[in-house]
């Protein structure tokens, strides 16, 4: 066995020292990009496999229903469908409750005149409209050129009298201390 190893090393003409030197010349970026592309391929394959499995189970269910209809096993078919319906009904009720409370909350944020107008709209439209209607057009704390930033005087600098300018600047000086 040892002779095989040494012969392969001799056959390639590389020594262990040369291999360690090659390790320092490894392109890690290329290896990383190769690993990323491999990961993407694997993810895509798994998603495709999951889609095929769900499609297969759906076709199996429809084939089963068709066979029961053909065999005139309506009682069994009715029982099976009733079980599916019983499991789905609680989720339907919860969703309707959630949708109604969300709708009421969103409508309460709208002005009274608009509530009736938007009552029949979908939740996405209601969310968008409440965001747009309740969005402040201008931020009152935002600085505007020529306007004082703080204090009781909210006039542009050009419109202030000398006395108002003194008051304003003394207030600012006191705030900074």
C-alpha atoms as a PDB file:
ATOM      1  CA  UNK A   1       0.000   0.000   0.000  1.00  0.00           C
ATOM      2  CA  UNK A   2       2.731   2.436   0.887  1.00  0.00           C
ATOM      3  CA  UNK A   3       4.495   1.716  -2.329  1.00  0.00           C
ATOM      4  CA  UNK A   4       1.322   2.565  -4.242  1.00  0.00           C
ATOM      5  CA  UNK A   5       1.099   5.929  -2.563  1.00  0.00           C
ATOM      6  CA  UNK A   6       4.697   6.775  -3.219  1.00  0.00           C
ATOM      7  CA  UNK A   7       4.446   5.621  -6.794  1.00  0.00           C
ATOM      8  CA  UNK A   8       1.436   7.852  -7.422  1.00  0.00           C
ATOM      9  CA  UNK A   9       3.311  10.759  -5.903  1.00  0.00           C
ATOM     10  CA  UNK A  10       6.328   9.927  -8.042  1.00  0.00           C
ATOM     11  CA  UNK A  11       4.167   9.394 -11.119  1.00  0.00           C
ATOM     12  CA  UNK A  12       2.593  12.829 -10.831  1.00  0.00           C
ATOM     13  CA  UNK A  13       5.942  14.346 -10.047  1.00  0.00           C
ATOM     14  CA  UNK A  14       4.613  16.277  -7.074  1.00  0.00           C
ATOM     15  CA  UNK A  15       5.956  16.280  -3.600  1.00  0.00           C
ATOM     16  CA  UNK A  16       4.008  17.150  -0.440  1.00  0.00           C
ATOM     17  CA  UNK A  17       5.757  20.521  -0.351  1.00  0.00           C
ATOM     18  CA  UNK A  18       4.466  21.377  -3.813  1.00  0.00           C
ATOM     19  CA  UNK A  19       0.901  20.545  -2.747  1.00  0.00           C
ATOM     20  CA  UNK A  20       1.094  22.963   0.188  1.00  0.00           C
ATOM     21  CA  UNK A  21       2.345  25.660  -2.172  1.00  0.00           C
ATOM     22  CA  UNK A  22      -0.626  24.998  -4.474  1.00  0.00           C
ATOM     23  CA  UNK A  23      -2.984  25.459  -1.512  1.00  0.00           C
ATOM     24  CA  UNK A  24      -1.846  29.034  -1.175  1.00  0.00           C
ATOM     25  CA  UNK A  25      -2.762  29.688  -4.824  1.00  0.00           C
ATOM     26  CA  UNK A  26      -6.365  28.477  -4.488  1.00  0.00           C
ATOM     27  CA  UNK A  27      -8.958  30.833  -5.933  1.00  0.00           C
ATOM     28  CA  UNK A  28     -11.463  31.001  -3.069  1.00  0.00           C
ATOM     29  CA  UNK A  29     -13.791  33.358  -4.904  1.00  0.00           C
ATOM     30  CA  UNK A  30     -14.203  30.872  -7.751  1.00  0.00           C
ATOM     31  CA  UNK A  31     -14.826  28.063  -5.253  1.00  0.00           C
ATOM     32  CA  UNK A  32     -17.419  30.184  -3.461  1.00  0.00           C
ATOM     33  CA  UNK A  33     -19.210  31.089  -6.696  1.00  0.00           C
ATOM     34  CA  UNK A  34     -19.177  27.429  -7.725  1.00  0.00           C
ATOM     35  CA  UNK A  35     -20.719  26.465  -4.392  1.00  0.00           C
ATOM     36  CA  UNK A  36     -23.390  29.158  -4.748  1.00  0.00           C
ATOM     37  CA  UNK A  37     -24.344  27.964  -8.224  1.00  0.00           C
ATOM     38  CA  UNK A  38     -24.479  24.383  -6.948  1.00  0.00           C
ATOM     39  CA  UNK A  39     -26.731  25.488  -4.098  1.00  0.00           C
ATOM     40  CA  UNK A  40     -29.040  27.255  -6.544  1.00  0.00           C
ATOM     41  CA  UNK A  41     -29.277  24.127  -8.682  1.00  0.00           C
ATOM     42  CA  UNK A  42     -30.105  21.981  -5.664  1.00  0.00           C
ATOM     43  CA  UNK A  43     -32.725  24.448  -4.433  1.00  0.00           C
ATOM     44  CA  UNK A  44     -34.350  24.540  -7.869  1.00  0.00           C
ATOM     45  CA  UNK A  45     -34.402  20.753  -8.049  1.00  0.00           C
ATOM     46  CA  UNK A  46     -35.994  20.463  -4.618  1.00  0.00           C
ATOM     47  CA  UNK A  47     -38.654  23.044  -5.488  1.00  0.00           C
ATOM     48  CA  UNK A  48     -39.458  21.197  -8.698  1.00  0.00           C
ATOM     49  CA  UNK A  49     -39.685  17.922  -6.788  1.00  0.00           C
ATOM     50  CA  UNK A  50     -42.052  19.455  -4.231  1.00  0.00           C
ATOM     51  CA  UNK A  51     -44.242  20.832  -7.022  1.00  0.00           C
ATOM     52  CA  UNK A  52     -44.372  17.396  -8.674  1.00  0.00           C
ATOM     53  CA  UNK A  53     -45.309  15.736  -5.379  1.00  0.00           C
ATOM     54  CA  UNK A  54     -48.169  18.158  -4.733  1.00  0.00           C
ATOM     55  CA  UNK A  55     -49.381  17.779  -8.315  1.00  0.00           C
ATOM     56  CA  UNK A  56     -49.230  14.002  -7.987  1.00  0.00           C
ATOM     57  CA  UNK A  57     -51.217  13.974  -4.739  1.00  0.00           C
ATOM     58  CA  UNK A  58     -53.872  16.211  -6.286  1.00  0.00           C
ATOM     59  CA  UNK A  59     -54.218  13.921  -9.289  1.00  0.00           C
ATOM     60  CA  UNK A  60     -54.440  10.909  -6.976  1.00  0.00           C
ATOM     61  CA  UNK A  61     -57.273  12.552  -5.043  1.00  0.00           C
ATOM     62  CA  UNK A  62     -59.190  13.408  -8.206  1.00  0.00           C
ATOM     63  CA  UNK A  63     -58.666   9.884  -9.573  1.00  0.00           C
ATOM     64  CA  UNK A  64     -59.940   8.440  -6.307  1.00  0.00           C
ATOM     65  CA  UNK A  65     -63.075  10.591  -6.484  1.00  0.00           C
ATOM     66  CA  UNK A  66     -63.650   9.569 -10.108  1.00  0.00           C
ATOM     67  CA  UNK A  67     -63.305   5.892  -9.239  1.00  0.00           C
ATOM     68  CA  UNK A  68     -65.763   6.205  -6.367  1.00  0.00           C
ATOM     69  CA  UNK A  69     -68.255   7.903  -8.674  1.00  0.00           C
ATOM     70  CA  UNK A  70     -67.829   5.176 -11.267  1.00  0.00           C
ATOM     71  CA  UNK A  71     -68.280   2.471  -8.650  1.00  0.00           C
ATOM     72  CA  UNK A  72     -71.297   4.336  -7.283  1.00  0.00           C
ATOM     73  CA  UNK A  73     -69.897   4.512  -3.769  1.00  0.00           C
ATOM     74  CA  UNK A  74     -71.603   7.804  -3.123  1.00  0.00           C
ATOM     75  CA  UNK A  75     -71.946   7.202   0.607  1.00  0.00           C
ATOM     76  CA  UNK A  76     -68.177   6.783   1.086  1.00  0.00           C
ATOM     77  CA  UNK A  77     -67.513   9.739  -1.180  1.00  0.00           C
ATOM     78  CA  UNK A  78     -69.941  11.878   0.787  1.00  0.00           C
ATOM     79  CA  UNK A  79     -68.344  10.901   4.092  1.00  0.00           C
ATOM     80  CA  UNK A  80     -64.847  11.647   2.808  1.00  0.00           C
ATOM     81  CA  UNK A  81     -65.838  15.042   1.447  1.00  0.00           C
ATOM     82  CA  UNK A  82     -67.648  15.854   4.700  1.00  0.00           C
ATOM     83  CA  UNK A  83     -64.440  15.115   6.651  1.00  0.00           C
ATOM     84  CA  UNK A  84     -62.506  17.499   4.426  1.00  0.00           C
ATOM     85  CA  UNK A  85     -65.165  20.152   4.853  1.00  0.00           C
ATOM     86  CA  UNK A  86     -65.182  19.744   8.637  1.00  0.00           C
ATOM     87  CA  UNK A  87     -61.430  20.287   8.804  1.00  0.00           C
ATOM     88  CA  UNK A  88     -61.604  23.404   6.602  1.00  0.00           C
ATOM     89  CA  UNK A  89     -64.538  25.184   8.264  1.00  0.00           C
ATOM     90  CA  UNK A  90     -62.719  26.384  11.425  1.00  0.00           C
ATOM     91  CA  UNK A  91     -60.031  27.995   9.301  1.00  0.00           C
ATOM     92  CA  UNK A  92     -62.646  29.687   7.158  1.00  0.00           C
ATOM     93  CA  UNK A  93     -64.375  31.118  10.223  1.00  0.00           C
ATOM     94  CA  UNK A  94     -61.088  32.363  11.678  1.00  0.00           C
ATOM     95  CA  UNK A  95     -60.149  34.016   8.396  1.00  0.00           C
ATOM     96  CA  UNK A  96     -63.529  35.729   8.118  1.00  0.00           C
ATOM     97  CA  UNK A  97     -63.219  37.024  11.697  1.00  0.00           C
ATOM     98  CA  UNK A  98     -59.700  38.286  11.019  1.00  0.00           C
ATOM     99  CA  UNK A  99     -60.774  39.935   7.777  1.00  0.00           C
ATOM    100  CA  UNK A 100     -63.752  41.645   9.435  1.00  0.00           C
ATOM    101  CA  UNK A 101     -61.701  43.035  12.327  1.00  0.00           C
ATOM    102  CA  UNK A 102     -58.969  44.232   9.982  1.00  0.00           C
ATOM    103  CA  UNK A 103     -61.563  45.841   7.722  1.00  0.00           C
ATOM    104  CA  UNK A 104     -63.196  47.610  10.685  1.00  0.00           C
ATOM    105  CA  UNK A 105     -59.838  48.892  11.944  1.00  0.00           C
ATOM    106  CA  UNK A 106     -58.870  50.216   8.541  1.00  0.00           C
ATOM    107  CA  UNK A 107     -62.269  51.820   7.955  1.00  0.00           C
ATOM    108  CA  UNK A 108     -62.129  53.516  11.356  1.00  0.00           C
ATOM    109  CA  UNK A 109     -58.934  55.275  10.263  1.00  0.00           C
ATOM    110  CA  UNK A 110     -60.679  56.775   7.237  1.00  0.00           C
ATOM    111  CA  UNK A 111     -62.810  59.927   7.326  1.00  0.00           C
ATOM    112  CA  UNK A 112     -66.527  59.279   7.846  1.00  0.00           C
ATOM    113  CA  UNK A 113     -67.393  60.398   4.328  1.00  0.00           C
ATOM    114  CA  UNK A 114     -65.058  57.817   2.806  1.00  0.00           C
ATOM    115  CA  UNK A 115     -66.031  54.854   4.999  1.00  0.00           C
ATOM    116  CA  UNK A 116     -69.142  53.966   3.031  1.00  0.00           C
ATOM    117  CA  UNK A 117     -67.334  54.494  -0.257  1.00  0.00           C
ATOM    118  CA  UNK A 118     -64.539  52.034   0.585  1.00  0.00           C
ATOM    119  CA  UNK A 119     -66.585  49.514   2.619  1.00  0.00           C
ATOM    120  CA  UNK A 120     -66.811  47.037  -0.270  1.00  0.00           C
ATOM    121  CA  UNK A 121     -63.149  47.193  -1.289  1.00  0.00           C
ATOM    122  CA  UNK A 122     -60.584  44.441  -0.701  1.00  0.00           C
ATOM    123  CA  UNK A 123     -58.203  44.568   2.260  1.00  0.00           C
ATOM    124  CA  UNK A 124     -55.238  45.479   0.080  1.00  0.00           C
ATOM    125  CA  UNK A 125     -57.071  48.464  -1.359  1.00  0.00           C
ATOM    126  CA  UNK A 126     -58.192  49.542   2.116  1.00  0.00           C
ATOM    127  CA  UNK A 127     -54.638  49.321   3.491  1.00  0.00           C
ATOM    128  CA  UNK A 128     -53.304  51.343   0.588  1.00  0.00           C
ATOM    129  CA  UNK A 129     -56.003  53.993   0.887  1.00  0.00           C
ATOM    130  CA  UNK A 130     -55.602  54.410   4.646  1.00  0.00           C
ATOM    131  CA  UNK A 131     -51.849  54.784   4.228  1.00  0.00           C
ATOM    132  CA  UNK A 132     -52.284  57.380   1.493  1.00  0.00           C
ATOM    133  CA  UNK A 133     -55.059  59.341   3.193  1.00  0.00           C
ATOM    134  CA  UNK A 134     -53.396  59.360   6.607  1.00  0.00           C
ATOM    135  CA  UNK A 135     -49.933  60.139   5.235  1.00  0.00           C
ATOM    136  CA  UNK A 136     -48.830  63.590   6.358  1.00  0.00           C
ATOM    137  CA  UNK A 137     -48.207  65.845   3.385  1.00  0.00           C
ATOM    138  CA  UNK A 138     -45.527  67.840   5.097  1.00  0.00           C
ATOM    139  CA  UNK A 139     -43.640  67.075   8.256  1.00  0.00           C
ATOM    140  CA  UNK A 140     -44.138  69.970  10.691  1.00  0.00           C
ATOM    141  CA  UNK A 141     -40.784  69.271  12.348  1.00  0.00           C
ATOM    142  CA  UNK A 142     -38.939  69.454   9.056  1.00  0.00           C
ATOM    143  CA  UNK A 143     -36.867  72.598   8.536  1.00  0.00           C
ATOM    144  CA  UNK A 144     -37.949  74.992   5.822  1.00  0.00           C
ATOM    145  CA  UNK A 145     -35.533  77.585   4.507  1.00  0.00           C
ATOM    146  CA  UNK A 146     -36.164  81.019   5.959  1.00  0.00           C
ATOM    147  CA  UNK A 147     -38.247  79.666   8.857  1.00  0.00           C
ATOM    148  CA  UNK A 148     -37.232  79.566  12.470  1.00  0.00           C
ATOM    149  CA  UNK A 149     -36.609  76.068  13.799  1.00  0.00           C
ATOM    150  CA  UNK A 150     -37.824  76.428  17.350  1.00  0.00           C
ATOM    151  CA  UNK A 151     -39.387  78.870  19.755  1.00  0.00           C
ATOM    152  CA  UNK A 152     -42.681  80.648  19.791  1.00  0.00           C
ATOM    153  CA  UNK A 153     -41.958  82.741  16.734  1.00  0.00           C
ATOM    154  CA  UNK A 154     -42.759  80.840  13.551  1.00  0.00           C
ATOM    155  CA  UNK A 155     -42.197  83.506  10.944  1.00  0.00           C
ATOM    156  CA  UNK A 156     -39.697  83.602   8.139  1.00  0.00           C
ATOM    157  CA  UNK A 157     -36.553  85.467   9.097  1.00  0.00           C
ATOM    158  CA  UNK A 158     -37.223  88.165   6.523  1.00  0.00           C
ATOM    159  CA  UNK A 159     -40.604  88.998   8.072  1.00  0.00           C
ATOM    160  CA  UNK A 160     -39.374  89.282  11.691  1.00  0.00           C
ATOM    161  CA  UNK A 161     -38.961  92.628  13.315  1.00  0.00           C
ATOM    162  CA  UNK A 162     -35.744  93.485  15.138  1.00  0.00           C
ATOM    163  CA  UNK A 163     -37.402  92.803  18.482  1.00  0.00           C
ATOM    164  CA  UNK A 164     -38.674  89.389  17.358  1.00  0.00           C
ATOM    165  CA  UNK A 165     -35.209  88.498  16.064  1.00  0.00           C
ATOM    166  CA  UNK A 166     -33.669  89.359  19.461  1.00  0.00           C
ATOM    167  CA  UNK A 167     -36.284  87.280  21.294  1.00  0.00           C
ATOM    168  CA  UNK A 168     -35.760  84.379  18.954  1.00  0.00           C
ATOM    169  CA  UNK A 169     -31.973  84.375  19.254  1.00  0.00           C
ATOM    170  CA  UNK A 170     -32.025  84.712  23.052  1.00  0.00           C
ATOM    171  CA  UNK A 171     -34.394  81.724  23.226  1.00  0.00           C
ATOM    172  CA  UNK A 172     -32.027  79.724  21.030  1.00  0.00           C
ATOM    173  CA  UNK A 173     -29.040  80.697  23.156  1.00  0.00           C
ATOM    174  CA  UNK A 174     -30.855  79.648  26.345  1.00  0.00           C
ATOM    175  CA  UNK A 175     -31.829  76.295  24.803  1.00  0.00           C
ATOM    176  CA  UNK A 176     -28.249  75.512  23.903  1.00  0.00           C
ATOM    177  CA  UNK A 177     -26.956  76.236  27.455  1.00  0.00           C
END
